[in-house]
N, C-alpha and C. Protein backbone atom coordinates (compact mmCIF):
# COMPACT_ATOMS: atom_id res chain seq x y z
N MET A 1 -59.05 138.23 -161.98
CA MET A 1 -58.33 137.37 -162.90
C MET A 1 -58.83 137.62 -164.30
N ALA A 2 -57.92 137.72 -165.25
CA ALA A 2 -58.29 138.03 -166.63
C ALA A 2 -58.93 136.82 -167.28
N SER A 3 -59.80 137.08 -168.22
CA SER A 3 -60.45 135.98 -168.92
C SER A 3 -59.44 135.30 -169.83
N PRO A 4 -59.64 134.01 -170.17
CA PRO A 4 -58.68 133.31 -171.03
C PRO A 4 -58.49 133.98 -172.37
N ALA A 5 -59.55 134.56 -172.93
CA ALA A 5 -59.44 135.22 -174.24
C ALA A 5 -58.48 136.39 -174.18
N VAL A 6 -58.56 137.16 -173.08
CA VAL A 6 -57.69 138.33 -172.95
C VAL A 6 -56.25 137.89 -172.77
N SER A 7 -56.02 136.86 -171.90
CA SER A 7 -54.65 136.45 -171.64
C SER A 7 -54.02 135.78 -172.85
N GLU A 8 -54.78 135.06 -173.66
CA GLU A 8 -54.24 134.44 -174.86
C GLU A 8 -53.83 135.50 -175.88
N GLU A 9 -54.62 136.56 -175.98
CA GLU A 9 -54.29 137.63 -176.93
C GLU A 9 -53.10 138.43 -176.44
N ALA A 10 -53.00 138.63 -175.12
CA ALA A 10 -51.95 139.47 -174.56
C ALA A 10 -50.61 138.76 -174.50
N ALA A 11 -50.62 137.43 -174.35
CA ALA A 11 -49.38 136.69 -174.15
C ALA A 11 -48.34 136.90 -175.25
N PRO A 12 -48.68 136.75 -176.55
CA PRO A 12 -47.64 136.92 -177.56
C PRO A 12 -47.18 138.36 -177.72
N SER A 13 -47.94 139.33 -177.26
CA SER A 13 -47.58 140.72 -177.48
C SER A 13 -46.71 141.28 -176.36
N HIS A 14 -46.27 140.44 -175.42
CA HIS A 14 -45.44 140.94 -174.32
C HIS A 14 -43.97 141.04 -174.70
N HIS A 15 -43.59 140.64 -175.89
CA HIS A 15 -42.20 140.75 -176.33
C HIS A 15 -41.83 142.22 -176.39
N HIS A 16 -40.78 142.63 -175.70
CA HIS A 16 -40.47 144.06 -175.54
C HIS A 16 -40.01 144.75 -176.81
N LEU A 17 -39.62 144.02 -177.85
CA LEU A 17 -39.21 144.66 -179.10
C LEU A 17 -40.24 144.45 -180.20
N ARG A 18 -41.46 144.07 -179.84
CA ARG A 18 -42.47 143.73 -180.86
C ARG A 18 -42.79 144.90 -181.79
N PHE A 19 -42.63 146.12 -181.34
CA PHE A 19 -42.94 147.27 -182.20
C PHE A 19 -41.75 147.63 -183.10
N HIS A 20 -40.57 147.17 -182.73
CA HIS A 20 -39.37 147.46 -183.52
C HIS A 20 -39.13 146.39 -184.60
N ALA A 21 -39.72 145.20 -184.41
CA ALA A 21 -39.51 144.10 -185.35
C ALA A 21 -39.85 144.46 -186.80
N PRO A 22 -40.93 145.20 -187.08
CA PRO A 22 -41.22 145.52 -188.49
C PRO A 22 -40.16 146.39 -189.15
N HIS A 23 -39.28 146.98 -188.36
CA HIS A 23 -38.26 147.88 -188.92
C HIS A 23 -36.88 147.22 -188.96
N ALA A 24 -36.82 145.92 -188.71
CA ALA A 24 -35.54 145.21 -188.70
C ALA A 24 -34.87 145.24 -190.07
N HIS A 25 -35.66 145.39 -191.13
CA HIS A 25 -35.11 145.42 -192.48
C HIS A 25 -34.31 146.70 -192.76
N LEU A 26 -34.40 147.67 -191.87
CA LEU A 26 -33.70 148.95 -192.09
C LEU A 26 -32.23 148.80 -191.70
N SER A 27 -31.53 148.00 -192.47
CA SER A 27 -30.11 147.83 -192.23
C SER A 27 -29.38 149.05 -192.80
N SER A 28 -28.10 149.00 -192.74
CA SER A 28 -27.29 150.12 -193.20
C SER A 28 -27.53 150.40 -194.68
N VAL A 29 -27.60 151.68 -195.05
CA VAL A 29 -27.75 152.04 -196.46
C VAL A 29 -26.52 151.65 -197.25
N PHE A 30 -25.42 151.41 -196.55
CA PHE A 30 -24.19 151.00 -197.21
C PHE A 30 -24.20 149.50 -197.48
N GLY A 31 -25.18 148.81 -196.95
CA GLY A 31 -25.25 147.36 -197.09
C GLY A 31 -24.86 146.71 -195.78
N GLY A 32 -25.14 145.42 -195.68
CA GLY A 32 -24.84 144.71 -194.45
C GLY A 32 -23.52 143.96 -194.50
N ASP A 33 -22.81 144.03 -195.60
CA ASP A 33 -21.55 143.30 -195.73
C ASP A 33 -20.40 144.07 -195.08
N TRP A 34 -19.20 143.54 -195.24
CA TRP A 34 -18.02 144.16 -194.65
C TRP A 34 -17.86 145.61 -195.09
N PHE A 35 -17.99 145.87 -196.38
CA PHE A 35 -17.80 147.23 -196.89
C PHE A 35 -18.85 148.17 -196.30
N GLY A 36 -20.08 147.71 -196.25
CA GLY A 36 -21.16 148.56 -195.73
C GLY A 36 -20.95 148.96 -194.29
N THR A 37 -20.58 147.99 -193.46
CA THR A 37 -20.37 148.33 -192.05
C THR A 37 -19.15 149.24 -191.87
N ARG A 38 -18.10 149.00 -192.64
CA ARG A 38 -16.91 149.86 -192.55
C ARG A 38 -17.20 151.27 -193.07
N ALA A 39 -17.97 151.38 -194.13
CA ALA A 39 -18.28 152.70 -194.69
C ALA A 39 -19.10 153.52 -193.71
N GLU A 40 -20.09 152.90 -193.07
CA GLU A 40 -20.89 153.65 -192.11
C GLU A 40 -20.06 154.02 -190.89
N SER A 41 -19.21 153.11 -190.43
CA SER A 41 -18.33 153.41 -189.29
C SER A 41 -17.40 154.58 -189.63
N PHE A 42 -16.86 154.55 -190.84
CA PHE A 42 -15.96 155.62 -191.27
C PHE A 42 -16.72 156.96 -191.34
N ALA A 43 -17.92 156.94 -191.87
CA ALA A 43 -18.71 158.17 -191.98
C ALA A 43 -19.01 158.73 -190.59
N ARG A 44 -19.30 157.86 -189.65
CA ARG A 44 -19.58 158.32 -188.29
C ARG A 44 -18.31 158.84 -187.60
N PHE A 45 -17.15 158.29 -187.99
CA PHE A 45 -15.89 158.68 -187.39
C PHE A 45 -15.48 160.10 -187.77
N PHE A 46 -15.94 160.60 -188.93
CA PHE A 46 -15.54 161.92 -189.41
C PHE A 46 -15.84 163.05 -188.42
N GLY A 47 -16.90 162.96 -187.66
CA GLY A 47 -17.28 164.05 -186.77
C GLY A 47 -16.75 163.93 -185.37
N THR A 48 -15.89 162.96 -185.12
CA THR A 48 -15.41 162.75 -183.76
C THR A 48 -14.19 163.62 -183.45
N PRO A 49 -13.98 163.94 -182.19
CA PRO A 49 -12.79 164.70 -181.79
C PRO A 49 -11.50 163.95 -182.14
N THR A 50 -11.52 162.63 -182.05
CA THR A 50 -10.33 161.83 -182.39
C THR A 50 -9.91 162.09 -183.83
N PHE A 51 -10.88 162.08 -184.74
CA PHE A 51 -10.57 162.33 -186.15
C PHE A 51 -10.01 163.73 -186.34
N LEU A 52 -10.66 164.71 -185.75
CA LEU A 52 -10.22 166.11 -185.93
C LEU A 52 -8.82 166.33 -185.36
N ILE A 53 -8.54 165.75 -184.21
CA ILE A 53 -7.20 165.91 -183.61
C ILE A 53 -6.16 165.20 -184.46
N ALA A 54 -6.46 163.95 -184.89
CA ALA A 54 -5.51 163.20 -185.72
C ALA A 54 -5.24 163.93 -187.03
N GLN A 55 -6.28 164.45 -187.67
CA GLN A 55 -6.10 165.17 -188.94
C GLN A 55 -5.26 166.43 -188.71
N THR A 56 -5.50 167.14 -187.64
CA THR A 56 -4.72 168.35 -187.35
C THR A 56 -3.25 168.01 -187.14
N ILE A 57 -2.97 166.93 -186.44
CA ILE A 57 -1.58 166.53 -186.20
C ILE A 57 -0.89 166.14 -187.51
N ILE A 58 -1.60 165.37 -188.34
CA ILE A 58 -1.03 164.96 -189.64
C ILE A 58 -0.74 166.17 -190.52
N VAL A 59 -1.68 167.11 -190.58
CA VAL A 59 -1.48 168.31 -191.40
C VAL A 59 -0.32 169.14 -190.85
N ALA A 60 -0.22 169.27 -189.53
CA ALA A 60 0.87 170.05 -188.92
C ALA A 60 2.22 169.41 -189.25
N ILE A 61 2.30 168.08 -189.15
CA ILE A 61 3.55 167.38 -189.49
C ILE A 61 3.87 167.56 -190.97
N TRP A 62 2.86 167.43 -191.80
CA TRP A 62 3.02 167.59 -193.27
C TRP A 62 3.64 168.95 -193.58
N ILE A 63 3.02 169.99 -193.02
CA ILE A 63 3.49 171.36 -193.29
C ILE A 63 4.88 171.57 -192.69
N ALA A 64 5.09 171.08 -191.47
CA ALA A 64 6.38 171.26 -190.81
C ALA A 64 7.51 170.59 -191.60
N LEU A 65 7.28 169.38 -192.08
CA LEU A 65 8.30 168.67 -192.86
C LEU A 65 8.65 169.43 -194.14
N ASN A 66 7.63 169.99 -194.79
CA ASN A 66 7.87 170.69 -196.05
C ASN A 66 8.45 172.09 -195.83
N VAL A 67 8.04 172.78 -194.80
CA VAL A 67 8.56 174.12 -194.53
C VAL A 67 10.00 174.04 -194.04
N ALA A 68 10.32 173.03 -193.26
CA ALA A 68 11.69 172.87 -192.72
C ALA A 68 12.63 172.26 -193.74
N ASN A 69 12.15 172.01 -194.94
CA ASN A 69 12.94 171.42 -196.03
C ASN A 69 13.51 170.05 -195.66
N LEU A 70 12.82 169.31 -194.78
CA LEU A 70 13.24 167.94 -194.48
C LEU A 70 12.82 167.01 -195.61
N THR A 71 11.83 167.41 -196.34
CA THR A 71 11.36 166.67 -197.51
C THR A 71 10.82 167.68 -198.51
N GLN A 72 10.72 167.29 -199.75
CA GLN A 72 10.27 168.20 -200.79
C GLN A 72 9.07 167.63 -201.56
N PHE A 73 8.27 166.76 -200.94
CA PHE A 73 7.18 166.14 -201.69
C PHE A 73 6.00 167.08 -201.90
N ASP A 74 5.87 168.14 -201.09
CA ASP A 74 4.76 169.07 -201.28
C ASP A 74 5.17 170.44 -200.75
N VAL A 75 5.91 171.18 -201.56
CA VAL A 75 6.40 172.50 -201.13
C VAL A 75 5.25 173.51 -201.18
N TYR A 76 5.51 174.64 -200.48
CA TYR A 76 4.52 175.72 -200.45
C TYR A 76 4.10 176.06 -201.85
N PRO A 77 2.86 176.20 -202.17
CA PRO A 77 1.62 176.40 -201.44
C PRO A 77 0.85 175.11 -201.14
N PHE A 78 1.54 174.00 -201.02
CA PHE A 78 0.96 172.73 -200.58
C PHE A 78 -0.18 172.26 -201.48
N ILE A 79 0.10 172.14 -202.75
CA ILE A 79 -0.89 171.70 -203.74
C ILE A 79 -1.38 170.28 -203.42
N LEU A 80 -0.46 169.39 -203.07
CA LEU A 80 -0.83 168.01 -202.77
C LEU A 80 -1.73 167.94 -201.53
N LEU A 81 -1.44 168.77 -200.53
CA LEU A 81 -2.28 168.82 -199.32
C LEU A 81 -3.68 169.30 -199.67
N ASN A 82 -3.77 170.34 -200.54
CA ASN A 82 -5.08 170.82 -200.98
C ASN A 82 -5.84 169.74 -201.75
N LEU A 83 -5.11 168.99 -202.58
CA LEU A 83 -5.72 167.90 -203.32
C LEU A 83 -6.23 166.82 -202.36
N ALA A 84 -5.45 166.52 -201.32
CA ALA A 84 -5.86 165.52 -200.32
C ALA A 84 -7.13 165.97 -199.60
N PHE A 85 -7.20 167.27 -199.24
CA PHE A 85 -8.41 167.78 -198.59
C PHE A 85 -9.61 167.72 -199.53
N SER A 86 -9.41 168.05 -200.80
CA SER A 86 -10.50 167.99 -201.78
C SER A 86 -11.00 166.55 -201.94
N LEU A 87 -10.06 165.61 -202.01
CA LEU A 87 -10.43 164.20 -202.14
C LEU A 87 -11.17 163.72 -200.90
N GLN A 88 -10.68 164.13 -199.75
CA GLN A 88 -11.35 163.77 -198.50
C GLN A 88 -12.76 164.32 -198.47
N ALA A 89 -12.93 165.57 -198.86
CA ALA A 89 -14.26 166.19 -198.87
C ALA A 89 -15.18 165.50 -199.87
N ALA A 90 -14.62 165.09 -201.02
CA ALA A 90 -15.43 164.43 -202.05
C ALA A 90 -15.99 163.11 -201.54
N TYR A 91 -15.25 162.40 -200.70
CA TYR A 91 -15.74 161.13 -200.17
C TYR A 91 -16.50 161.32 -198.86
N ALA A 92 -16.06 162.27 -198.04
CA ALA A 92 -16.66 162.44 -196.72
C ALA A 92 -18.10 162.94 -196.81
N ALA A 93 -18.34 163.91 -197.66
CA ALA A 93 -19.69 164.49 -197.73
C ALA A 93 -20.75 163.45 -198.06
N PRO A 94 -20.60 162.64 -199.11
CA PRO A 94 -21.64 161.64 -199.39
C PRO A 94 -21.75 160.59 -198.28
N LEU A 95 -20.61 160.18 -197.71
CA LEU A 95 -20.67 159.19 -196.64
C LEU A 95 -21.42 159.73 -195.42
N ILE A 96 -21.14 160.97 -195.07
CA ILE A 96 -21.81 161.59 -193.93
C ILE A 96 -23.30 161.76 -194.21
N LEU A 97 -23.64 162.21 -195.41
CA LEU A 97 -25.06 162.35 -195.77
C LEU A 97 -25.79 161.01 -195.73
N LEU A 98 -25.14 159.97 -196.23
CA LEU A 98 -25.76 158.64 -196.19
C LEU A 98 -25.95 158.17 -194.76
N ALA A 99 -24.96 158.40 -193.91
CA ALA A 99 -25.08 158.01 -192.50
C ALA A 99 -26.20 158.79 -191.81
N GLN A 100 -26.32 160.07 -192.12
CA GLN A 100 -27.39 160.89 -191.53
C GLN A 100 -28.76 160.43 -192.01
N THR A 101 -28.87 160.11 -193.31
CA THR A 101 -30.13 159.63 -193.86
C THR A 101 -30.53 158.33 -193.19
N ARG A 102 -29.57 157.43 -193.05
CA ARG A 102 -29.84 156.15 -192.41
C ARG A 102 -30.26 156.34 -190.97
N GLN A 103 -29.57 157.23 -190.25
CA GLN A 103 -29.92 157.48 -188.86
C GLN A 103 -31.31 158.11 -188.76
N ALA A 104 -31.64 159.00 -189.69
CA ALA A 104 -32.98 159.59 -189.70
C ALA A 104 -34.04 158.51 -189.92
N ASP A 105 -33.76 157.55 -190.82
CA ASP A 105 -34.70 156.44 -191.03
C ASP A 105 -34.87 155.62 -189.76
N ARG A 106 -33.75 155.34 -189.09
CA ARG A 106 -33.84 154.57 -187.84
C ARG A 106 -34.60 155.35 -186.78
N ASP A 107 -34.31 156.66 -186.67
CA ASP A 107 -35.00 157.48 -185.68
C ASP A 107 -36.51 157.50 -185.94
N LYS A 108 -36.88 157.63 -187.22
CA LYS A 108 -38.30 157.64 -187.57
C LYS A 108 -38.94 156.31 -187.24
N ALA A 109 -38.26 155.21 -187.56
CA ALA A 109 -38.80 153.88 -187.27
C ALA A 109 -38.96 153.68 -185.77
N HIS A 110 -37.96 154.11 -184.99
CA HIS A 110 -38.05 153.97 -183.54
C HIS A 110 -39.14 154.87 -182.96
N ALA A 111 -39.28 156.07 -183.48
CA ALA A 111 -40.34 156.96 -183.01
C ALA A 111 -41.71 156.36 -183.30
N ASP A 112 -41.86 155.78 -184.49
CA ASP A 112 -43.12 155.12 -184.85
C ASP A 112 -43.39 153.94 -183.92
N ALA A 113 -42.36 153.13 -183.68
CA ALA A 113 -42.52 151.98 -182.79
C ALA A 113 -42.85 152.44 -181.37
N ASP A 114 -42.19 153.50 -180.91
CA ASP A 114 -42.48 154.02 -179.58
C ASP A 114 -43.91 154.55 -179.48
N ALA A 115 -44.37 155.22 -180.54
CA ALA A 115 -45.75 155.72 -180.53
C ALA A 115 -46.74 154.57 -180.46
N ARG A 116 -46.48 153.51 -181.25
CA ARG A 116 -47.38 152.36 -181.20
C ARG A 116 -47.32 151.68 -179.84
N HIS A 117 -46.14 151.67 -179.23
CA HIS A 117 -46.00 151.09 -177.90
C HIS A 117 -46.81 151.89 -176.87
N ARG A 118 -46.72 153.23 -176.97
CA ARG A 118 -47.50 154.07 -176.06
C ARG A 118 -49.00 153.86 -176.26
N GLU A 119 -49.43 153.72 -177.52
CA GLU A 119 -50.84 153.45 -177.81
C GLU A 119 -51.26 152.11 -177.22
N ASP A 120 -50.39 151.11 -177.33
CA ASP A 120 -50.69 149.80 -176.77
C ASP A 120 -50.79 149.88 -175.25
N LEU A 121 -49.88 150.63 -174.63
CA LEU A 121 -49.95 150.81 -173.18
C LEU A 121 -51.23 151.52 -172.76
N ALA A 122 -51.62 152.54 -173.51
CA ALA A 122 -52.86 153.26 -173.20
C ALA A 122 -54.07 152.33 -173.33
N LYS A 123 -54.06 151.51 -174.37
CA LYS A 123 -55.16 150.56 -174.58
C LYS A 123 -55.21 149.56 -173.43
N ALA A 124 -54.05 149.03 -173.03
CA ALA A 124 -54.00 148.08 -171.93
C ALA A 124 -54.46 148.74 -170.63
N HIS A 125 -54.08 150.00 -170.43
CA HIS A 125 -54.50 150.73 -169.24
C HIS A 125 -56.02 150.90 -169.24
N LEU A 126 -56.58 151.25 -170.38
CA LEU A 126 -58.04 151.41 -170.48
C LEU A 126 -58.74 150.10 -170.19
N GLU A 127 -58.22 148.99 -170.76
CA GLU A 127 -58.83 147.69 -170.51
C GLU A 127 -58.76 147.33 -169.03
N ALA A 128 -57.62 147.64 -168.39
CA ALA A 128 -57.47 147.36 -166.96
C ALA A 128 -58.45 148.19 -166.14
N GLN A 129 -58.66 149.45 -166.56
CA GLN A 129 -59.63 150.29 -165.86
C GLN A 129 -61.04 149.73 -166.01
N GLU A 130 -61.38 149.25 -167.22
CA GLU A 130 -62.69 148.67 -167.43
C GLU A 130 -62.89 147.43 -166.57
N VAL A 131 -61.87 146.59 -166.50
CA VAL A 131 -61.95 145.38 -165.66
C VAL A 131 -62.13 145.78 -164.20
N ALA A 132 -61.35 146.78 -163.75
CA ALA A 132 -61.46 147.24 -162.36
C ALA A 132 -62.85 147.81 -162.08
N THR A 133 -63.40 148.54 -163.05
CA THR A 133 -64.75 149.10 -162.87
C THR A 133 -65.78 147.98 -162.77
N ARG A 134 -65.67 146.98 -163.66
CA ARG A 134 -66.60 145.84 -163.61
C ARG A 134 -66.47 145.10 -162.28
N GLN A 135 -65.24 144.89 -161.83
CA GLN A 135 -65.04 144.19 -160.57
C GLN A 135 -65.57 145.00 -159.39
N SER A 136 -65.41 146.31 -159.44
CA SER A 136 -65.95 147.17 -158.37
C SER A 136 -67.47 147.09 -158.34
N THR A 137 -68.08 147.10 -159.52
CA THR A 137 -69.54 146.99 -159.60
C THR A 137 -70.00 145.65 -159.05
N GLN A 138 -69.29 144.58 -159.41
CA GLN A 138 -69.64 143.26 -158.90
C GLN A 138 -69.47 143.20 -157.39
N MET A 139 -68.38 143.80 -156.88
CA MET A 139 -68.16 143.81 -155.43
C MET A 139 -69.28 144.56 -154.71
N LEU A 140 -69.69 145.70 -155.26
CA LEU A 140 -70.79 146.45 -154.64
C LEU A 140 -72.07 145.63 -154.64
N ALA A 141 -72.35 144.96 -155.75
CA ALA A 141 -73.55 144.12 -155.83
C ALA A 141 -73.47 142.99 -154.80
N LEU A 142 -72.31 142.36 -154.67
CA LEU A 142 -72.14 141.28 -153.69
C LEU A 142 -72.28 141.81 -152.25
N LEU A 143 -71.73 143.01 -152.02
CA LEU A 143 -71.87 143.61 -150.68
C LEU A 143 -73.33 143.91 -150.36
N GLU A 144 -74.06 144.44 -151.35
CA GLU A 144 -75.49 144.71 -151.13
C GLU A 144 -76.24 143.41 -150.89
N GLN A 145 -75.93 142.39 -151.64
CA GLN A 145 -76.57 141.08 -151.47
C GLN A 145 -76.22 140.52 -150.09
N ASN A 146 -74.97 140.66 -149.67
CA ASN A 146 -74.55 140.19 -148.36
C ASN A 146 -75.30 140.94 -147.26
N THR A 147 -75.44 142.25 -147.45
CA THR A 147 -76.18 143.06 -146.47
C THR A 147 -77.62 142.58 -146.38
N ARG A 148 -78.26 142.35 -147.52
CA ARG A 148 -79.65 141.86 -147.51
C ARG A 148 -79.75 140.49 -146.84
N LEU A 149 -78.79 139.60 -147.13
CA LEU A 149 -78.79 138.28 -146.51
C LEU A 149 -78.58 138.37 -145.01
N THR A 150 -77.71 139.27 -144.58
CA THR A 150 -77.47 139.47 -143.15
C THR A 150 -78.73 139.97 -142.47
N GLU A 151 -79.41 140.94 -143.10
CA GLU A 151 -80.67 141.46 -142.54
C GLU A 151 -81.72 140.36 -142.47
N LEU A 152 -81.81 139.55 -143.52
CA LEU A 152 -82.77 138.45 -143.56
C LEU A 152 -82.44 137.41 -142.49
N THR A 153 -81.13 137.15 -142.31
CA THR A 153 -80.70 136.20 -141.28
C THR A 153 -81.08 136.71 -139.90
N GLN A 154 -80.87 138.02 -139.67
CA GLN A 154 -81.24 138.61 -138.38
C GLN A 154 -82.76 138.52 -138.17
N GLU A 155 -83.51 138.82 -139.21
CA GLU A 155 -84.97 138.76 -139.11
C GLU A 155 -85.43 137.34 -138.80
N LEU A 156 -84.86 136.37 -139.52
CA LEU A 156 -85.23 134.98 -139.29
C LEU A 156 -84.78 134.51 -137.91
N SER A 157 -83.60 134.95 -137.47
CA SER A 157 -83.13 134.60 -136.12
C SER A 157 -84.07 135.17 -135.07
N GLY A 158 -84.54 136.40 -135.30
CA GLY A 158 -85.51 137.01 -134.37
C GLY A 158 -86.82 136.21 -134.34
N ARG A 159 -87.31 135.77 -135.49
CA ARG A 159 -88.54 134.98 -135.54
C ARG A 159 -88.35 133.64 -134.83
N ILE A 160 -87.17 133.03 -135.08
CA ILE A 160 -86.89 131.74 -134.44
C ILE A 160 -86.87 131.92 -132.92
N GLU A 161 -86.25 133.02 -132.47
CA GLU A 161 -86.20 133.29 -131.03
C GLU A 161 -87.60 133.47 -130.45
N LYS A 162 -88.44 134.23 -131.16
CA LYS A 162 -89.82 134.44 -130.70
C LYS A 162 -90.58 133.12 -130.66
N LEU A 163 -90.44 132.32 -131.73
CA LEU A 163 -91.12 131.03 -131.77
C LEU A 163 -90.61 130.10 -130.67
N THR A 164 -89.29 130.15 -130.46
CA THR A 164 -88.72 129.31 -129.39
C THR A 164 -89.27 129.73 -128.05
N GLN A 165 -89.34 131.02 -127.79
CA GLN A 165 -89.88 131.52 -126.53
C GLN A 165 -91.36 131.16 -126.40
N GLU A 166 -92.09 131.28 -127.49
CA GLU A 166 -93.52 130.96 -127.48
C GLU A 166 -93.73 129.47 -127.18
N ILE A 167 -92.91 128.63 -127.84
CA ILE A 167 -93.02 127.18 -127.60
C ILE A 167 -92.64 126.88 -126.16
N HIS A 168 -91.59 127.55 -125.68
CA HIS A 168 -91.16 127.35 -124.30
C HIS A 168 -92.27 127.73 -123.33
N HIS A 169 -92.89 128.89 -123.54
CA HIS A 169 -93.98 129.34 -122.66
C HIS A 169 -95.14 128.36 -122.71
N ARG A 170 -95.49 127.85 -123.89
CA ARG A 170 -96.62 126.91 -124.02
C ARG A 170 -96.29 125.58 -123.33
N LEU A 171 -95.04 125.16 -123.48
CA LEU A 171 -94.65 123.90 -122.81
C LEU A 171 -94.67 124.04 -121.30
N VAL A 172 -94.18 125.19 -120.84
CA VAL A 172 -94.18 125.45 -119.38
C VAL A 172 -95.61 125.57 -118.89
N ALA A 173 -96.46 126.24 -119.65
CA ALA A 173 -97.86 126.43 -119.25
C ALA A 173 -98.58 125.08 -119.25
N SER A 174 -98.32 124.21 -120.23
CA SER A 174 -99.02 122.92 -120.31
C SER A 174 -98.48 121.98 -119.26
N SER A 175 -97.22 122.09 -118.89
CA SER A 175 -96.68 121.21 -117.85
C SER A 175 -97.14 121.67 -116.47
N ASN A 176 -97.46 122.91 -116.28
CA ASN A 176 -97.98 123.44 -115.01
C ASN A 176 -99.47 123.11 -114.89
N ALA A 177 -100.13 122.91 -115.93
CA ALA A 177 -101.57 122.71 -115.84
C ALA A 177 -101.96 121.30 -115.69
């Protein structure tokens, strides 16, 4: 059984996110408000297959409408489409870089917390080994003491038996005489 000092110290540290708590302030670099969460979501959406497929479909429709002369808003060489891609790139690159920076910060914070957690586990394991070693030493000492007491009990029982036999012989001898 652990000593009260050890259990009092260990009790508050059993919270499973205790190493991550110091990094809770690492909210989104875009901010924690509506705009910040939407900006980070949008930046993360840029690399998804859904985005790439949707963009490809929109561009194909754009070109098809203009090549088939169904509309004339952006005729060949598609200057407006090039402008749209340039505008998209101008906004996408910083958003993606900010999202990557933020994720790198989170990864570093989690790696740090995980390292401290592993150190805490190693420390707890070492303490448990020390307690087990102390208990083993105490058990061996108690076993040796028990062995000595058993030997002493046997010795005393042997003496009692001899004395009992001696008293018996003397009583029998005195009653016969």
